[in-house]
């Protein structure tokens, strides 16, 4: 979805496509952080 929204924005200049691109960028960063958090041992668990 991220690649599509960027390509669509690049071809059309549609601001909504750019905003969707930025929104999915933020979600991918949050998803990566949550995966790292789940993999790392928590101090409370020790």
PDB file of N, CA and C in Angstrom:
ATOM      1  N   UNK A   1       0.825  -1.192   0.000  1.00  0.00           N
ATOM      2  CA  UNK A   1       0.000   0.000   0.000  1.00  0.00           C
ATOM      3  C   UNK A   1       0.871   1.259   0.000  1.00  0.00           C
ATOM      4  N   UNK A   2       1.977   1.186   0.739  1.00  0.00           N
ATOM      5  CA  UNK A   2       2.856   2.350   0.847  1.00  0.00           C
ATOM      6  C   UNK A   2       3.458   2.703  -0.511  1.00  0.00           C
ATOM      7  N   UNK A   3       3.940   1.700  -1.245  1.00  0.00           N
ATOM      8  CA  UNK A   3       4.520   1.952  -2.567  1.00  0.00           C
ATOM      9  C   UNK A   3       3.476   2.508  -3.531  1.00  0.00           C
ATOM     10  N   UNK A   4       2.273   1.944  -3.466  1.00  0.00           N
ATOM     11  CA  UNK A   4       1.211   2.412  -4.354  1.00  0.00           C
ATOM     12  C   UNK A   4       0.883   3.871  -4.093  1.00  0.00           C
ATOM     13  N   UNK A   5       0.738   4.231  -2.815  1.00  0.00           N
ATOM     14  CA  UNK A   5       0.372   5.616  -2.512  1.00  0.00           C
ATOM     15  C   UNK A   5       1.472   6.580  -2.944  1.00  0.00           C
ATOM     16  N   UNK A   6       2.752   6.173  -2.817  1.00  0.00           N
ATOM     17  CA  UNK A   6       3.830   7.054  -3.260  1.00  0.00           C
ATOM     18  C   UNK A   6       3.824   7.201  -4.776  1.00  0.00           C
ATOM     19  N   UNK A   7       3.671   6.098  -5.495  1.00  0.00           N
ATOM     20  CA  UNK A   7       3.658   6.149  -6.958  1.00  0.00           C
ATOM     21  C   UNK A   7       2.473   6.972  -7.459  1.00  0.00           C
ATOM     22  N   UNK A   8       1.321   6.801  -6.816  1.00  0.00           N
ATOM     23  CA  UNK A   8       0.138   7.566  -7.197  1.00  0.00           C
ATOM     24  C   UNK A   8       0.371   9.058  -6.958  1.00  0.00           C
ATOM     25  N   UNK A   9       0.963   9.385  -5.816  1.00  0.00           N
ATOM     26  CA  UNK A   9       1.275  10.789  -5.521  1.00  0.00           C
ATOM     27  C   UNK A   9       2.269  11.349  -6.538  1.00  0.00           C
ATOM     28  N   UNK A  10       3.298  10.569  -6.867  1.00  0.00           N
ATOM     29  CA  UNK A  10       4.310  11.035  -7.806  1.00  0.00           C
ATOM     30  C   UNK A  10       3.708  11.297  -9.187  1.00  0.00           C
ATOM     31  N   UNK A  11       2.752  10.471  -9.592  1.00  0.00           N
ATOM     32  CA  UNK A  11       2.153  10.649 -10.918  1.00  0.00           C
ATOM     33  C   UNK A  11       1.114  11.756 -10.951  1.00  0.00           C
ATOM     34  N   UNK A  12       0.356  11.923  -9.856  1.00  0.00           N
ATOM     35  CA  UNK A  12      -0.773  12.838  -9.886  1.00  0.00           C
ATOM     36  C   UNK A  12      -0.579  14.104  -9.059  1.00  0.00           C
ATOM     37  N   UNK A  13       0.280  14.047  -8.050  1.00  0.00           N
ATOM     38  CA  UNK A  13       0.433  15.184  -7.148  1.00  0.00           C
ATOM     39  C   UNK A  13      -0.708  15.294  -6.150  1.00  0.00           C
ATOM     40  N   UNK A  14      -1.488  14.220  -6.009  1.00  0.00           N
ATOM     41  CA  UNK A  14      -2.634  14.207  -5.108  1.00  0.00           C
ATOM     42  C   UNK A  14      -2.169  14.255  -3.649  1.00  0.00           C
ATOM     43  N   UNK A  15      -2.578  15.279  -2.926  1.00  0.00           N
ATOM     44  CA  UNK A  15      -2.161  15.468  -1.541  1.00  0.00           C
ATOM     45  C   UNK A  15      -2.659  14.329  -0.659  1.00  0.00           C
ATOM     46  N   UNK A  16      -3.858  13.835  -0.898  1.00  0.00           N
ATOM     47  CA  UNK A  16      -4.393  12.727  -0.100  1.00  0.00           C
ATOM     48  C   UNK A  16      -3.526  11.481  -0.228  1.00  0.00           C
ATOM     49  N   UNK A  17      -2.992  11.227  -1.409  1.00  0.00           N
ATOM     50  CA  UNK A  17      -2.106  10.081  -1.598  1.00  0.00           C
ATOM     51  C   UNK A  17      -0.826  10.267  -0.782  1.00  0.00           C
ATOM     52  N   UNK A  18      -0.315  11.490  -0.740  1.00  0.00           N
ATOM     53  CA  UNK A  18       0.880  11.765   0.067  1.00  0.00           C
ATOM     54  C   UNK A  18       0.590  11.572   1.552  1.00  0.00           C
ATOM     55  N   UNK A  19      -0.549  12.053   1.996  1.00  0.00           N
ATOM     56  CA  UNK A  19      -0.917  11.891   3.405  1.00  0.00           C
ATOM     57  C   UNK A  19      -1.081  10.418   3.762  1.00  0.00           C
ATOM     58  N   UNK A  20      -1.648   9.634   2.859  1.00  0.00           N
ATOM     59  CA  UNK A  20      -1.760   8.195   3.085  1.00  0.00           C
ATOM     60  C   UNK A  20      -0.373   7.564   3.164  1.00  0.00           C
ATOM     61  N   UNK A  21       0.523   7.984   2.297  1.00  0.00           N
ATOM     62  CA  UNK A  21       1.909   7.501   2.324  1.00  0.00           C
ATOM     63  C   UNK A  21       2.550   7.798   3.680  1.00  0.00           C
ATOM     64  N   UNK A  22       2.411   9.014   4.154  1.00  0.00           N
ATOM     65  CA  UNK A  22       2.998   9.389   5.442  1.00  0.00           C
ATOM     66  C   UNK A  22       2.346   8.640   6.595  1.00  0.00           C
ATOM     67  N   UNK A  23       1.048   8.410   6.495  1.00  0.00           N
ATOM     68  CA  UNK A  23       0.337   7.678   7.538  1.00  0.00           C
ATOM     69  C   UNK A  23       0.835   6.236   7.623  1.00  0.00           C
ATOM     70  N   UNK A  24       1.032   5.593   6.487  1.00  0.00           N
ATOM     71  CA  UNK A  24       1.517   4.217   6.498  1.00  0.00           C
ATOM     72  C   UNK A  24       2.971   4.157   6.944  1.00  0.00           C
ATOM     73  N   UNK A  25       3.735   5.211   6.700  1.00  0.00           N
ATOM     74  CA  UNK A  25       5.114   5.269   7.175  1.00  0.00           C
ATOM     75  C   UNK A  25       5.138   5.266   8.701  1.00  0.00           C
ATOM     76  N   UNK A  26       4.292   6.044   9.290  1.00  0.00           N
ATOM     77  CA  UNK A  26       4.218   6.092  10.747  1.00  0.00           C
ATOM     78  C   UNK A  26       3.772   4.781  11.345  1.00  0.00           C
ATOM     79  N   UNK A  27       2.841   4.103  10.693  1.00  0.00           N
ATOM     80  CA  UNK A  27       2.377   2.818  11.197  1.00  0.00           C
ATOM     81  C   UNK A  27       3.467   1.767  11.105  1.00  0.00           C
ATOM     82  N   UNK A  28       4.279   1.799  10.057  1.00  0.00           N
ATOM     83  CA  UNK A  28       5.341   0.806   9.928  1.00  0.00           C
ATOM     84  C   UNK A  28       6.391   1.007  11.017  1.00  0.00           C
ATOM     85  N   UNK A  29       6.652   2.255  11.381  1.00  0.00           N
ATOM     86  CA  UNK A  29       7.590   2.534  12.465  1.00  0.00           C
ATOM     87  C   UNK A  29       7.017   2.039  13.782  1.00  0.00           C
ATOM     88  N   UNK A  30       5.747   2.289  14.035  1.00  0.00           N
ATOM     89  CA  UNK A  30       5.110   1.826  15.261  1.00  0.00           C
ATOM     90  C   UNK A  30       5.061   0.310  15.319  1.00  0.00           C
ATOM     91  N   UNK A  31       4.783  -0.336  14.216  1.00  0.00           N
ATOM     92  CA  UNK A  31       4.728  -1.794  14.180  1.00  0.00           C
ATOM     93  C   UNK A  31       6.096  -2.381  14.481  1.00  0.00           C
ATOM     94  N   UNK A  32       7.139  -1.840  13.898  1.00  0.00           N
ATOM     95  CA  UNK A  32       8.491  -2.328  14.148  1.00  0.00           C
ATOM     96  C   UNK A  32       8.860  -2.147  15.617  1.00  0.00           C
ATOM     97  N   UNK A  33       8.485  -1.037  16.200  1.00  0.00           N
ATOM     98  CA  UNK A  33       8.786  -0.794  17.608  1.00  0.00           C
ATOM     99  C   UNK A  33       8.037  -1.760  18.501  1.00  0.00           C
ATOM    100  N   UNK A  34       6.792  -2.072  18.192  1.00  0.00           N
ATOM    101  CA  UNK A  34       6.024  -2.987  19.026  1.00  0.00           C
ATOM    102  C   UNK A  34       6.559  -4.403  18.915  1.00  0.00           C
ATOM    103  N   UNK A  35       7.051  -4.795  17.749  1.00  0.00           N
ATOM    104  CA  UNK A  35       7.641  -6.121  17.577  1.00  0.00           C
ATOM    105  C   UNK A  35       8.922  -6.215  18.397  1.00  0.00           C
ATOM    106  N   UNK A  36       9.731  -5.158  18.380  1.00  0.00           N
ATOM    107  CA  UNK A  36      10.955  -5.146  19.177  1.00  0.00           C
ATOM    108  C   UNK A  36      10.625  -5.203  20.667  1.00  0.00           C
ATOM    109  N   UNK A  37       9.592  -4.495  21.090  1.00  0.00           N
ATOM    110  CA  UNK A  37       9.196  -4.505  22.489  1.00  0.00           C
ATOM    111  C   UNK A  37       8.762  -5.897  22.930  1.00  0.00           C
ATOM    112  N   UNK A  38       8.041  -6.613  22.077  1.00  0.00           N
ATOM    113  CA  UNK A  38       7.582  -7.949  22.422  1.00  0.00           C
ATOM    114  C   UNK A  38       8.732  -8.934  22.486  1.00  0.00           C
ATOM    115  N   UNK A  39       9.760  -8.744  21.680  1.00  0.00           N
ATOM    116  CA  UNK A  39      10.891  -9.663  21.635  1.00  0.00           C
ATOM    117  C   UNK A  39      11.842  -9.433  22.803  1.00  0.00           C
ATOM    118  N   UNK A  40      11.940  -8.212  23.284  1.00  0.00           N
ATOM    119  CA  UNK A  40      12.857  -7.887  24.367  1.00  0.00           C
ATOM    120  C   UNK A  40      12.239  -8.273  25.713  1.00  0.00           C
ATOM    121  N   UNK A  41      13.049  -8.840  26.611  1.00  0.00           N
ATOM    122  CA  UNK A  41      12.518  -9.161  27.944  1.00  0.00           C
ATOM    123  C   UNK A  41      12.218  -7.887  28.726  1.00  0.00           C
ATOM    124  N   UNK A  42      11.137  -7.899  29.446  1.00  0.00           N
ATOM    125  CA  UNK A  42      10.747  -6.741  30.248  1.00  0.00           C
ATOM    126  C   UNK A  42      11.356  -6.840  31.626  1.00  0.00           C
ATOM    127  N   UNK A  43      11.688  -5.691  32.188  1.00  0.00           N
ATOM    128  CA  UNK A  43      12.277  -5.681  33.519  1.00  0.00           C
ATOM    129  C   UNK A  43      11.336  -6.232  34.572  1.00  0.00           C
ATOM    130  N   UNK A  44      10.026  -6.015  34.373  1.00  0.00           N
ATOM    131  CA  UNK A  44       9.047  -6.510  35.341  1.00  0.00           C
ATOM    132  C   UNK A  44       9.011  -8.027  35.364  1.00  0.00           C
ATOM    133  N   UNK A  45       9.365  -8.682  34.233  1.00  0.00           N
ATOM    134  CA  UNK A  45       9.304 -10.125  34.137  1.00  0.00           C
ATOM    135  C   UNK A  45      10.442 -10.804  34.879  1.00  0.00           C
ATOM    136  N   UNK A  46      11.525 -10.080  35.184  1.00  0.00           N
ATOM    137  CA  UNK A  46      12.702 -10.687  35.816  1.00  0.00           C
ATOM    138  C   UNK A  46      12.519 -10.916  37.280  1.00  0.00           C
TER     139      UNK A  46
END
